[in-house]
Amino acid sequence: MLTRERMRADIAAMIHEDPEEIGGDDNLIDLGLDSMRAMNLLVRWAETGLTLDFSEFAERLTLDAWWAIVDRVQRQA
C-alpha cells in the first residue's frame, strides 16, 4: 500500500529536495518536477499494484491532489 509520506519522499528524491520542503498545495512543476519524472513516479507506484492514469495526475499538480487520486484508487481496489 502506498502512503502519502512515501509519495512525498519519492517526489522529493526525484527533484532532489527534502521531503519537508514539499507542501501539500505546492505546485510540483514549480518545484522542478517535469512530465518525464512524473511518469517515472507513476510507473514506480504502479508496481505496487495500482492502476494509475497519467492524465488524471497531469491535471492536478499538487501532493494533496495526487494523494486524493491514489487514496481513491487504493480504496476501490
N, C-alpha and C. Protein backbone atom coordinates (compact mmCIF):
# COMPACT_ATOMS: atom_id res chain seq x y z
N MET A 1 0.85 -1.18 0.00
CA MET A 1 0.00 0.00 0.00
C MET A 1 0.90 1.25 0.00
N LEU A 2 0.55 2.17 -0.86
CA LEU A 2 1.29 3.41 -0.98
C LEU A 2 0.75 4.41 0.04
N THR A 3 1.64 5.09 0.74
CA THR A 3 1.23 6.10 1.71
C THR A 3 1.54 7.49 1.19
N ARG A 4 0.89 8.48 1.78
CA ARG A 4 1.15 9.87 1.40
C ARG A 4 2.60 10.24 1.67
N GLU A 5 3.13 9.79 2.77
CA GLU A 5 4.53 10.11 3.10
C GLU A 5 5.50 9.43 2.15
N ARG A 6 5.18 8.21 1.71
CA ARG A 6 6.03 7.55 0.71
C ARG A 6 6.00 8.33 -0.60
N MET A 7 4.81 8.81 -0.97
CA MET A 7 4.70 9.62 -2.18
C MET A 7 5.54 10.89 -2.05
N ARG A 8 5.43 11.56 -0.91
CA ARG A 8 6.20 12.79 -0.68
C ARG A 8 7.70 12.50 -0.78
N ALA A 9 8.14 11.41 -0.17
CA ALA A 9 9.56 11.05 -0.21
C ALA A 9 10.01 10.72 -1.64
N ASP A 10 9.18 10.01 -2.39
CA ASP A 10 9.53 9.67 -3.77
C ASP A 10 9.62 10.92 -4.64
N ILE A 11 8.67 11.82 -4.49
CA ILE A 11 8.70 13.08 -5.25
C ILE A 11 9.95 13.87 -4.89
N ALA A 12 10.22 13.96 -3.59
CA ALA A 12 11.39 14.72 -3.13
C ALA A 12 12.68 14.15 -3.71
N ALA A 13 12.80 12.84 -3.70
CA ALA A 13 14.00 12.22 -4.26
C ALA A 13 14.13 12.51 -5.75
N MET A 14 13.01 12.52 -6.44
CA MET A 14 13.02 12.74 -7.88
C MET A 14 13.47 14.16 -8.24
N ILE A 15 13.15 15.13 -7.36
CA ILE A 15 13.52 16.52 -7.66
C ILE A 15 14.66 17.02 -6.77
N HIS A 16 15.28 16.10 -6.05
CA HIS A 16 16.44 16.42 -5.21
C HIS A 16 16.12 17.50 -4.17
N GLU A 17 15.03 17.28 -3.44
CA GLU A 17 14.60 18.17 -2.36
C GLU A 17 14.41 17.35 -1.10
N ASP A 18 14.36 18.04 0.03
CA ASP A 18 13.98 17.38 1.27
C ASP A 18 12.47 17.20 1.28
N PRO A 19 11.97 16.07 1.74
CA PRO A 19 10.52 15.87 1.77
C PRO A 19 9.77 16.97 2.51
N GLU A 20 10.38 17.51 3.56
CA GLU A 20 9.73 18.55 4.34
C GLU A 20 9.50 19.83 3.54
N GLU A 21 10.22 19.98 2.44
CA GLU A 21 10.10 21.17 1.60
C GLU A 21 8.89 21.11 0.67
N ILE A 22 8.24 19.97 0.60
CA ILE A 22 7.11 19.81 -0.31
C ILE A 22 5.81 19.92 0.48
N GLY A 23 5.13 21.03 0.29
CA GLY A 23 3.84 21.25 0.93
C GLY A 23 2.72 20.60 0.14
N GLY A 24 1.64 20.31 0.79
CA GLY A 24 0.52 19.65 0.13
C GLY A 24 -0.05 20.41 -1.04
N ASP A 25 -0.02 21.74 -0.97
CA ASP A 25 -0.60 22.57 -2.03
C ASP A 25 0.44 23.13 -2.98
N ASP A 26 1.71 22.79 -2.81
CA ASP A 26 2.75 23.29 -3.70
C ASP A 26 2.59 22.70 -5.10
N ASN A 27 2.74 23.54 -6.11
CA ASN A 27 2.71 23.07 -7.49
C ASN A 27 4.01 22.30 -7.75
N LEU A 28 3.88 21.04 -8.09
CA LEU A 28 5.06 20.18 -8.25
C LEU A 28 5.90 20.57 -9.45
N ILE A 29 5.30 21.15 -10.47
CA ILE A 29 6.06 21.65 -11.62
C ILE A 29 6.94 22.81 -11.19
N ASP A 30 6.39 23.70 -10.37
CA ASP A 30 7.17 24.84 -9.86
C ASP A 30 8.35 24.37 -9.02
N LEU A 31 8.22 23.21 -8.41
CA LEU A 31 9.30 22.66 -7.58
C LEU A 31 10.35 21.91 -8.41
N GLY A 32 10.09 21.73 -9.70
CA GLY A 32 11.08 21.11 -10.57
C GLY A 32 10.70 19.75 -11.14
N LEU A 33 9.48 19.30 -10.89
CA LEU A 33 9.05 18.02 -11.44
C LEU A 33 8.59 18.22 -12.88
N ASP A 34 9.19 17.50 -13.81
CA ASP A 34 8.74 17.59 -15.20
C ASP A 34 7.93 16.34 -15.55
N SER A 35 7.39 16.32 -16.76
CA SER A 35 6.48 15.23 -17.13
C SER A 35 7.17 13.86 -17.15
N MET A 36 8.42 13.82 -17.55
CA MET A 36 9.14 12.53 -17.57
C MET A 36 9.34 11.99 -16.16
N ARG A 37 9.70 12.87 -15.24
CA ARG A 37 9.87 12.44 -13.85
C ARG A 37 8.53 12.01 -13.26
N ALA A 38 7.48 12.74 -13.59
CA ALA A 38 6.15 12.37 -13.10
C ALA A 38 5.77 10.98 -13.62
N MET A 39 6.03 10.72 -14.88
CA MET A 39 5.73 9.41 -15.45
C MET A 39 6.54 8.32 -14.75
N ASN A 40 7.80 8.60 -14.46
CA ASN A 40 8.62 7.62 -13.73
C ASN A 40 8.04 7.32 -12.35
N LEU A 41 7.54 8.35 -11.68
CA LEU A 41 6.91 8.13 -10.38
C LEU A 41 5.68 7.24 -10.51
N LEU A 42 4.85 7.51 -11.51
CA LEU A 42 3.64 6.71 -11.68
C LEU A 42 3.97 5.26 -12.00
N VAL A 43 5.02 5.04 -12.78
CA VAL A 43 5.45 3.67 -13.07
C VAL A 43 5.88 2.98 -11.78
N ARG A 44 6.64 3.68 -10.97
CA ARG A 44 7.09 3.12 -9.68
C ARG A 44 5.89 2.79 -8.80
N TRP A 45 4.95 3.72 -8.71
CA TRP A 45 3.79 3.49 -7.86
C TRP A 45 2.89 2.40 -8.42
N ALA A 46 2.83 2.27 -9.74
CA ALA A 46 2.02 1.20 -10.35
C ALA A 46 2.59 -0.17 -10.01
N GLU A 47 3.88 -0.23 -9.73
CA GLU A 47 4.49 -1.50 -9.35
C GLU A 47 3.95 -2.03 -8.02
N THR A 48 3.27 -1.18 -7.26
CA THR A 48 2.63 -1.61 -6.02
C THR A 48 1.27 -2.25 -6.30
N GLY A 49 0.88 -2.29 -7.59
CA GLY A 49 -0.39 -2.90 -7.95
C GLY A 49 -1.49 -1.92 -8.29
N LEU A 50 -1.19 -0.63 -8.27
CA LEU A 50 -2.19 0.38 -8.57
C LEU A 50 -2.31 0.60 -10.07
N THR A 51 -3.52 0.86 -10.53
CA THR A 51 -3.74 1.26 -11.92
C THR A 51 -3.95 2.76 -11.92
N LEU A 52 -2.96 3.48 -12.44
CA LEU A 52 -2.97 4.94 -12.38
C LEU A 52 -3.01 5.53 -13.78
N ASP A 53 -3.78 6.61 -13.94
CA ASP A 53 -3.96 7.28 -15.22
C ASP A 53 -3.15 8.58 -15.21
N PHE A 54 -2.11 8.63 -16.05
CA PHE A 54 -1.23 9.80 -16.08
C PHE A 54 -2.00 11.09 -16.32
N SER A 55 -3.00 11.05 -17.18
CA SER A 55 -3.73 12.29 -17.50
C SER A 55 -4.43 12.86 -16.27
N GLU A 56 -4.88 12.00 -15.38
CA GLU A 56 -5.53 12.47 -14.15
C GLU A 56 -4.52 13.20 -13.26
N PHE A 57 -3.31 12.69 -13.21
CA PHE A 57 -2.27 13.33 -12.41
C PHE A 57 -1.81 14.63 -13.06
N ALA A 58 -1.76 14.67 -14.38
CA ALA A 58 -1.29 15.86 -15.10
C ALA A 58 -2.23 17.05 -14.92
N GLU A 59 -3.49 16.78 -14.64
CA GLU A 59 -4.47 17.85 -14.45
C GLU A 59 -4.36 18.49 -13.07
N ARG A 60 -3.80 17.78 -12.12
CA ARG A 60 -3.78 18.23 -10.72
C ARG A 60 -2.36 18.03 -10.20
N LEU A 61 -1.64 19.11 -10.05
CA LEU A 61 -0.19 19.03 -9.85
C LEU A 61 0.26 19.37 -8.43
N THR A 62 -0.45 18.84 -7.43
CA THR A 62 -0.03 19.02 -6.05
C THR A 62 0.00 17.66 -5.35
N LEU A 63 0.76 17.58 -4.28
CA LEU A 63 0.81 16.34 -3.50
C LEU A 63 -0.58 16.00 -2.97
N ASP A 64 -1.30 16.99 -2.46
CA ASP A 64 -2.64 16.72 -1.93
C ASP A 64 -3.55 16.13 -3.00
N ALA A 65 -3.51 16.69 -4.21
CA ALA A 65 -4.35 16.19 -5.29
C ALA A 65 -3.93 14.78 -5.69
N TRP A 66 -2.62 14.56 -5.79
CA TRP A 66 -2.13 13.23 -6.16
C TRP A 66 -2.50 12.21 -5.10
N TRP A 67 -2.39 12.59 -3.84
CA TRP A 67 -2.74 11.66 -2.78
C TRP A 67 -4.24 11.32 -2.84
N ALA A 68 -5.08 12.30 -3.14
CA ALA A 68 -6.52 12.04 -3.26
C ALA A 68 -6.79 11.00 -4.34
N ILE A 69 -6.07 11.10 -5.46
CA ILE A 69 -6.23 10.12 -6.54
C ILE A 69 -5.80 8.74 -6.07
N VAL A 70 -4.61 8.65 -5.50
CA VAL A 70 -4.07 7.36 -5.05
C VAL A 70 -4.95 6.76 -3.96
N ASP A 71 -5.38 7.57 -3.02
CA ASP A 71 -6.23 7.09 -1.93
C ASP A 71 -7.52 6.51 -2.50
N ARG A 72 -8.13 7.21 -3.45
CA ARG A 72 -9.36 6.72 -4.08
C ARG A 72 -9.12 5.39 -4.80
N VAL A 73 -8.04 5.29 -5.56
CA VAL A 73 -7.72 4.06 -6.30
C VAL A 73 -7.48 2.91 -5.32
N GLN A 74 -6.77 3.17 -4.25
CA GLN A 74 -6.49 2.11 -3.26
C GLN A 74 -7.77 1.64 -2.58
N ARG A 75 -8.68 2.56 -2.31
CA ARG A 75 -9.94 2.17 -1.66
C ARG A 75 -10.82 1.34 -2.60
N GLN A 76 -10.70 1.61 -3.90
CA GLN A 76 -11.51 0.87 -4.88
C GLN A 76 -10.94 -0.51 -5.18
N ALA A 77 -9.67 -0.71 -4.85
CA ALA A 77 -9.03 -2.00 -5.18
C ALA A 77 -9.50 -3.11 -4.27
